[in-house]
């Protein structure tokens, strides 16, 4: 399976090129984590309810963790998520989530790292060499 590569803003990369393997899984996870609930016109039920969580005090950490884990874990190419944790920053009322995603590939040491901080617009997914 392959797809067109996207840039950091999730726009089509020019010149166009196809990606697959770990690079494709990284892109899929970034797209899922970057889509806010109601943002996609074709299905407003898709996406992560970041706005709801930001407006809730205290932040529903268990719900945040469950929704993010489901979004990541059901991404094609993901085998499992290790060490996933959601942390609330009480001074700024924001949360961040980090973890390691083990990919479903022939290489058992293939994994990627994810870091989510929606207030800062920072959703990072990067390769990790084991």
N, C-alpha and C. Protein backbone atom coordinates (compact mmCIF):
# COMPACT_ATOMS: atom_id res chain seq x y z
N UNK A 1 0.84 -1.17 0.00
CA UNK A 1 0.00 0.00 0.00
C UNK A 1 0.90 1.24 0.00
N UNK A 2 0.50 2.25 -0.72
CA UNK A 2 1.26 3.50 -0.80
C UNK A 2 0.29 4.67 -0.86
N UNK A 3 0.82 5.85 -0.59
CA UNK A 3 0.02 7.07 -0.66
C UNK A 3 0.95 8.22 -1.02
N UNK A 4 0.36 9.36 -1.38
CA UNK A 4 1.17 10.53 -1.67
C UNK A 4 1.71 11.12 -0.37
N UNK A 5 2.94 11.59 -0.41
CA UNK A 5 3.56 12.21 0.76
C UNK A 5 2.95 13.58 1.01
N UNK A 6 2.78 13.90 2.30
CA UNK A 6 2.27 15.21 2.71
C UNK A 6 3.36 15.94 3.48
N UNK A 7 3.31 17.28 3.46
CA UNK A 7 4.30 18.07 4.19
C UNK A 7 3.87 18.24 5.65
N UNK A 8 4.58 19.07 6.41
CA UNK A 8 4.29 19.25 7.84
C UNK A 8 2.91 19.82 8.10
N UNK A 9 2.35 20.55 7.13
CA UNK A 9 1.00 21.11 7.27
C UNK A 9 -0.07 20.18 6.70
N UNK A 10 0.33 18.95 6.36
CA UNK A 10 -0.54 17.93 5.78
C UNK A 10 -1.09 18.34 4.41
N UNK A 11 -0.31 19.15 3.69
CA UNK A 11 -0.63 19.50 2.31
C UNK A 11 0.20 18.60 1.40
N UNK A 12 -0.25 18.42 0.17
CA UNK A 12 0.45 17.58 -0.78
C UNK A 12 1.87 18.11 -0.99
N UNK A 13 2.83 17.23 -0.87
CA UNK A 13 4.23 17.59 -1.04
C UNK A 13 4.55 17.75 -2.52
N UNK A 14 5.19 18.85 -2.86
CA UNK A 14 5.58 19.11 -4.26
C UNK A 14 7.08 19.19 -4.31
N UNK A 15 7.78 18.46 -5.15
CA UNK A 15 7.25 17.54 -6.14
C UNK A 15 6.64 16.32 -5.45
N UNK A 16 5.63 15.76 -6.08
CA UNK A 16 4.90 14.63 -5.50
C UNK A 16 5.77 13.38 -5.48
N UNK A 17 5.57 12.59 -4.41
CA UNK A 17 6.23 11.31 -4.33
C UNK A 17 5.35 10.37 -3.52
N UNK A 18 5.51 9.08 -3.75
CA UNK A 18 4.76 8.07 -3.02
C UNK A 18 5.54 7.61 -1.80
N UNK A 19 4.82 7.28 -0.73
CA UNK A 19 5.46 6.75 0.47
C UNK A 19 4.78 5.43 0.84
N UNK A 20 5.51 4.61 1.59
CA UNK A 20 4.95 3.37 2.10
C UNK A 20 5.69 3.01 3.39
N UNK A 21 5.40 1.84 3.93
CA UNK A 21 6.08 1.38 5.14
C UNK A 21 5.87 2.28 6.34
N UNK A 22 6.91 2.44 7.14
CA UNK A 22 6.83 3.25 8.36
C UNK A 22 6.47 4.69 8.07
N UNK A 23 6.96 5.23 6.97
CA UNK A 23 6.66 6.61 6.61
C UNK A 23 5.16 6.80 6.38
N UNK A 24 4.52 5.81 5.76
CA UNK A 24 3.08 5.88 5.51
C UNK A 24 2.30 5.78 6.82
N UNK A 25 2.72 4.90 7.73
CA UNK A 25 2.03 4.77 9.02
C UNK A 25 2.16 6.06 9.82
N UNK A 26 3.35 6.66 9.81
CA UNK A 26 3.56 7.93 10.50
C UNK A 26 2.59 8.98 9.96
N UNK A 27 2.46 9.05 8.66
CA UNK A 27 1.56 10.03 8.04
C UNK A 27 0.11 9.75 8.43
N UNK A 28 -0.29 8.49 8.42
CA UNK A 28 -1.67 8.14 8.79
C UNK A 28 -1.98 8.54 10.23
N UNK A 29 -1.06 8.27 11.13
CA UNK A 29 -1.26 8.64 12.54
C UNK A 29 -1.35 10.16 12.68
N UNK A 30 -0.47 10.88 12.00
CA UNK A 30 -0.51 12.36 12.06
C UNK A 30 -1.86 12.89 11.57
N UNK A 31 -2.36 12.32 10.49
CA UNK A 31 -3.65 12.78 9.95
C UNK A 31 -4.76 12.52 10.97
N UNK A 32 -4.79 11.33 11.54
CA UNK A 32 -5.84 11.01 12.52
C UNK A 32 -5.77 11.92 13.74
N UNK A 33 -4.58 12.16 14.25
CA UNK A 33 -4.43 12.98 15.45
C UNK A 33 -4.61 14.47 15.17
N UNK A 34 -4.48 14.87 13.92
CA UNK A 34 -4.61 16.29 13.56
C UNK A 34 -6.03 16.67 13.18
N UNK A 35 -6.92 15.69 13.06
CA UNK A 35 -8.30 15.97 12.65
C UNK A 35 -9.17 16.20 13.88
N UNK A 36 -9.66 17.42 14.02
CA UNK A 36 -10.56 17.76 15.12
C UNK A 36 -11.96 17.25 14.82
N UNK A 37 -12.69 16.86 15.85
CA UNK A 37 -14.05 16.37 15.70
C UNK A 37 -14.91 17.41 14.97
N UNK A 38 -15.63 16.96 13.94
CA UNK A 38 -16.52 17.83 13.19
C UNK A 38 -15.84 18.58 12.06
N UNK A 39 -14.53 18.43 11.93
CA UNK A 39 -13.77 19.18 10.93
C UNK A 39 -13.97 18.65 9.51
N UNK A 40 -14.15 17.35 9.38
CA UNK A 40 -14.24 16.74 8.05
C UNK A 40 -15.68 16.81 7.55
N UNK A 41 -15.89 17.49 6.44
CA UNK A 41 -17.24 17.72 5.92
C UNK A 41 -17.97 16.44 5.53
N UNK A 42 -17.25 15.42 5.10
CA UNK A 42 -17.90 14.20 4.65
C UNK A 42 -18.40 13.33 5.81
N UNK A 43 -17.85 13.51 6.99
CA UNK A 43 -18.33 12.77 8.16
C UNK A 43 -17.92 13.53 9.41
N UNK A 44 -18.82 14.35 9.92
CA UNK A 44 -18.52 15.21 11.07
C UNK A 44 -18.37 14.44 12.37
N UNK A 45 -18.63 13.11 12.33
CA UNK A 45 -18.42 12.28 13.52
C UNK A 45 -16.97 11.86 13.67
N UNK A 46 -16.18 12.05 12.62
CA UNK A 46 -14.76 11.68 12.64
C UNK A 46 -13.93 12.78 13.30
N UNK A 47 -12.86 12.36 13.93
CA UNK A 47 -11.92 13.31 14.52
C UNK A 47 -11.83 13.18 16.03
N UNK A 48 -10.93 13.95 16.59
CA UNK A 48 -10.64 13.93 18.03
C UNK A 48 -11.33 15.15 18.67
N UNK A 49 -12.06 14.96 19.77
CA UNK A 49 -12.80 16.07 20.40
C UNK A 49 -11.93 16.99 21.27
N UNK A 50 -10.85 17.52 20.67
CA UNK A 50 -9.93 18.37 21.43
C UNK A 50 -10.65 19.57 22.07
N UNK A 51 -11.55 20.21 21.32
CA UNK A 51 -12.24 21.39 21.85
C UNK A 51 -13.04 21.05 23.11
N UNK A 52 -13.71 19.91 23.12
CA UNK A 52 -14.47 19.49 24.29
C UNK A 52 -13.56 19.30 25.50
N UNK A 53 -12.42 18.69 25.26
CA UNK A 53 -11.49 18.41 26.37
C UNK A 53 -10.88 19.69 26.92
N UNK A 54 -10.57 20.62 26.03
CA UNK A 54 -9.94 21.87 26.45
C UNK A 54 -10.90 22.68 27.31
N UNK A 55 -12.19 22.61 27.00
CA UNK A 55 -13.20 23.39 27.72
C UNK A 55 -13.67 22.71 29.00
N UNK A 56 -13.22 21.50 29.29
CA UNK A 56 -13.65 20.76 30.46
C UNK A 56 -12.62 20.88 31.57
N UNK A 57 -13.08 21.25 32.77
CA UNK A 57 -12.18 21.36 33.91
C UNK A 57 -12.71 20.48 35.03
N UNK A 58 -11.93 19.57 35.55
CA UNK A 58 -10.60 19.20 35.07
C UNK A 58 -10.72 18.36 33.81
N UNK A 59 -9.64 18.31 33.06
CA UNK A 59 -9.62 17.56 31.81
C UNK A 59 -9.87 16.08 32.09
N UNK A 60 -10.70 15.44 31.27
CA UNK A 60 -11.02 14.01 31.46
C UNK A 60 -9.88 13.12 30.96
N UNK A 61 -8.85 12.98 31.77
CA UNK A 61 -7.63 12.28 31.36
C UNK A 61 -7.91 10.86 30.86
N UNK A 62 -8.76 10.11 31.59
CA UNK A 62 -9.05 8.72 31.18
C UNK A 62 -9.71 8.70 29.80
N UNK A 63 -10.63 9.61 29.54
CA UNK A 63 -11.31 9.67 28.25
C UNK A 63 -10.33 10.07 27.15
N UNK A 64 -9.49 11.05 27.43
CA UNK A 64 -8.50 11.50 26.45
C UNK A 64 -7.60 10.33 26.06
N UNK A 65 -7.10 9.63 27.07
CA UNK A 65 -6.22 8.50 26.81
C UNK A 65 -6.91 7.42 25.98
N UNK A 66 -8.16 7.10 26.32
CA UNK A 66 -8.90 6.05 25.60
C UNK A 66 -9.14 6.43 24.15
N UNK A 67 -9.55 7.67 23.90
CA UNK A 67 -9.86 8.11 22.53
C UNK A 67 -8.58 8.16 21.69
N UNK A 68 -7.50 8.71 22.24
CA UNK A 68 -6.25 8.79 21.50
C UNK A 68 -5.68 7.40 21.22
N UNK A 69 -5.73 6.52 22.22
CA UNK A 69 -5.25 5.15 22.02
C UNK A 69 -6.06 4.44 20.93
N UNK A 70 -7.36 4.64 20.92
CA UNK A 70 -8.21 4.02 19.89
C UNK A 70 -7.85 4.58 18.51
N UNK A 71 -7.68 5.90 18.41
CA UNK A 71 -7.35 6.51 17.12
C UNK A 71 -6.02 6.00 16.59
N UNK A 72 -5.04 5.87 17.47
CA UNK A 72 -3.72 5.39 17.05
C UNK A 72 -3.76 3.89 16.80
N UNK A 73 -4.33 3.14 17.73
CA UNK A 73 -4.33 1.68 17.65
C UNK A 73 -5.09 1.10 16.49
N UNK A 74 -6.09 1.82 15.96
CA UNK A 74 -6.86 1.33 14.83
C UNK A 74 -6.33 1.83 13.49
N UNK A 75 -5.21 2.53 13.53
CA UNK A 75 -4.58 3.00 12.30
C UNK A 75 -3.94 1.82 11.58
N UNK A 76 -4.23 1.63 10.29
CA UNK A 76 -3.60 0.53 9.56
C UNK A 76 -2.08 0.59 9.65
N UNK A 77 -1.47 -0.54 9.99
CA UNK A 77 -0.03 -0.62 10.12
C UNK A 77 0.47 -0.55 11.55
N UNK A 78 -0.42 -0.27 12.51
CA UNK A 78 -0.04 -0.19 13.92
C UNK A 78 -0.32 -1.53 14.58
N UNK A 79 0.69 -2.09 15.23
CA UNK A 79 0.52 -3.35 15.95
C UNK A 79 0.04 -3.09 17.37
N UNK A 80 0.72 -2.17 18.09
CA UNK A 80 0.32 -1.83 19.46
C UNK A 80 0.96 -0.50 19.86
N UNK A 81 0.52 0.03 20.98
CA UNK A 81 1.07 1.27 21.52
C UNK A 81 1.65 0.95 22.89
N UNK A 82 2.91 1.29 23.10
CA UNK A 82 3.58 1.06 24.38
C UNK A 82 3.83 2.37 25.12
N UNK A 83 3.77 2.30 26.42
CA UNK A 83 4.14 3.44 27.26
C UNK A 83 3.35 4.71 26.99
N UNK A 84 2.08 4.56 26.65
CA UNK A 84 1.27 5.74 26.34
C UNK A 84 0.79 6.39 27.63
N UNK A 85 0.97 7.70 27.73
CA UNK A 85 0.55 8.42 28.93
C UNK A 85 0.06 9.81 28.56
N UNK A 86 -0.99 10.23 29.24
CA UNK A 86 -1.53 11.58 29.08
C UNK A 86 -1.23 12.34 30.36
N UNK A 87 -0.66 13.53 30.21
CA UNK A 87 -0.26 14.33 31.37
C UNK A 87 -0.95 15.68 31.28
N UNK A 88 -1.53 16.10 32.39
CA UNK A 88 -2.21 17.39 32.47
C UNK A 88 -1.26 18.42 33.05
N UNK A 89 -1.13 19.55 32.38
CA UNK A 89 -0.34 20.68 32.89
C UNK A 89 -1.33 21.62 33.56
N UNK A 90 -1.40 21.55 34.88
CA UNK A 90 -2.42 22.31 35.62
C UNK A 90 -2.21 23.81 35.54
N UNK A 91 -0.99 24.27 35.32
CA UNK A 91 -0.76 25.71 35.25
C UNK A 91 -1.33 26.33 33.99
N UNK A 92 -1.30 25.60 32.89
CA UNK A 92 -1.82 26.14 31.63
C UNK A 92 -3.12 25.46 31.20
N UNK A 93 -3.60 24.50 32.01
CA UNK A 93 -4.83 23.75 31.71
C UNK A 93 -4.76 23.07 30.34
N UNK A 94 -3.60 22.57 30.00
CA UNK A 94 -3.43 21.84 28.75
C UNK A 94 -2.97 20.43 29.07
N UNK A 95 -3.03 19.57 28.09
CA UNK A 95 -2.55 18.21 28.28
C UNK A 95 -1.61 17.84 27.15
N UNK A 96 -0.81 16.86 27.40
CA UNK A 96 0.04 16.31 26.34
C UNK A 96 0.03 14.80 26.50
N UNK A 97 0.28 14.12 25.41
CA UNK A 97 0.29 12.65 25.41
C UNK A 97 1.53 12.19 24.67
N UNK A 98 2.16 11.16 25.19
CA UNK A 98 3.34 10.60 24.53
C UNK A 98 3.27 9.09 24.59
N UNK A 99 3.93 8.45 23.67
CA UNK A 99 3.99 7.00 23.65
C UNK A 99 4.79 6.51 22.47
N UNK A 100 5.00 5.22 22.44
CA UNK A 100 5.73 4.58 21.34
C UNK A 100 4.79 3.62 20.63
N UNK A 101 4.75 3.72 19.32
CA UNK A 101 3.88 2.90 18.50
C UNK A 101 4.74 1.83 17.84
N UNK A 102 4.39 0.58 18.07
CA UNK A 102 5.09 -0.53 17.42
C UNK A 102 4.33 -0.86 16.15
N UNK A 103 5.07 -0.88 15.05
CA UNK A 103 4.45 -1.09 13.75
C UNK A 103 4.29 -2.56 13.42
N UNK A 104 3.26 -2.85 12.67
CA UNK A 104 2.99 -4.21 12.19
C UNK A 104 3.80 -4.42 10.91
N UNK A 105 5.07 -4.80 11.08
CA UNK A 105 5.95 -4.99 9.93
C UNK A 105 6.83 -6.20 10.16
N UNK A 106 7.60 -6.54 9.15
CA UNK A 106 8.50 -7.67 9.26
C UNK A 106 9.63 -7.40 10.24
N UNK A 107 9.97 -6.13 10.44
CA UNK A 107 11.05 -5.74 11.34
C UNK A 107 10.47 -5.52 12.74
N UNK A 108 10.77 -6.42 13.71
CA UNK A 108 10.18 -6.29 15.04
C UNK A 108 10.66 -5.06 15.80
N UNK A 109 11.73 -4.43 15.36
CA UNK A 109 12.24 -3.25 16.05
C UNK A 109 11.73 -1.95 15.45
N UNK A 110 10.77 -2.03 14.54
CA UNK A 110 10.23 -0.82 13.92
C UNK A 110 9.19 -0.19 14.83
N UNK A 111 9.44 1.05 15.21
CA UNK A 111 8.46 1.76 16.04
C UNK A 111 8.55 3.24 15.74
N UNK A 112 7.50 3.96 16.13
CA UNK A 112 7.49 5.41 15.99
C UNK A 112 7.03 6.00 17.31
N UNK A 113 7.39 7.25 17.53
CA UNK A 113 7.06 7.94 18.77
C UNK A 113 6.03 9.02 18.45
N UNK A 114 5.07 9.18 19.34
CA UNK A 114 4.03 10.18 19.13
C UNK A 114 4.00 11.13 20.32
N UNK A 115 3.76 12.40 20.03
CA UNK A 115 3.61 13.41 21.07
C UNK A 115 2.48 14.34 20.63
N UNK A 116 1.48 14.50 21.47
CA UNK A 116 0.30 15.30 21.14
C UNK A 116 0.15 16.42 22.15
N UNK A 117 0.08 17.64 21.67
CA UNK A 117 -0.19 18.80 22.52
C UNK A 117 -1.06 19.75 21.70
N UNK A 118 -2.37 19.55 21.69
CA UNK A 118 -3.26 20.25 20.76
C UNK A 118 -3.33 21.76 20.94
N UNK A 119 -3.14 22.26 22.15
CA UNK A 119 -3.21 23.70 22.37
C UNK A 119 -2.11 24.41 21.60
N UNK A 120 -0.96 23.84 21.62
CA UNK A 120 0.18 24.43 20.93
C UNK A 120 0.20 24.06 19.45
N UNK A 121 -0.77 23.28 19.02
CA UNK A 121 -0.81 22.84 17.63
C UNK A 121 0.30 21.87 17.31
N UNK A 122 0.83 21.22 18.34
CA UNK A 122 1.98 20.34 18.15
C UNK A 122 1.54 18.89 18.18
N UNK A 123 1.51 18.29 17.04
CA UNK A 123 1.25 16.86 16.96
C UNK A 123 2.43 16.28 16.19
N UNK A 124 3.33 15.66 16.93
CA UNK A 124 4.57 15.15 16.34
C UNK A 124 4.53 13.62 16.32
N UNK A 125 4.87 13.08 15.21
CA UNK A 125 5.01 11.64 15.07
C UNK A 125 6.31 11.44 14.33
N UNK A 126 7.25 10.72 14.93
CA UNK A 126 8.56 10.58 14.29
C UNK A 126 9.07 9.16 14.42
N UNK A 127 10.01 8.83 13.56
CA UNK A 127 10.63 7.51 13.58
C UNK A 127 11.56 7.38 14.78
N UNK A 128 11.64 6.17 15.28
CA UNK A 128 12.55 5.86 16.37
C UNK A 128 13.34 4.64 15.95
N UNK A 129 14.64 4.71 16.06
CA UNK A 129 15.46 3.54 15.74
C UNK A 129 15.75 2.79 17.01
N UNK A 130 15.49 1.51 17.02
CA UNK A 130 15.70 0.68 18.20
C UNK A 130 16.99 -0.08 18.10
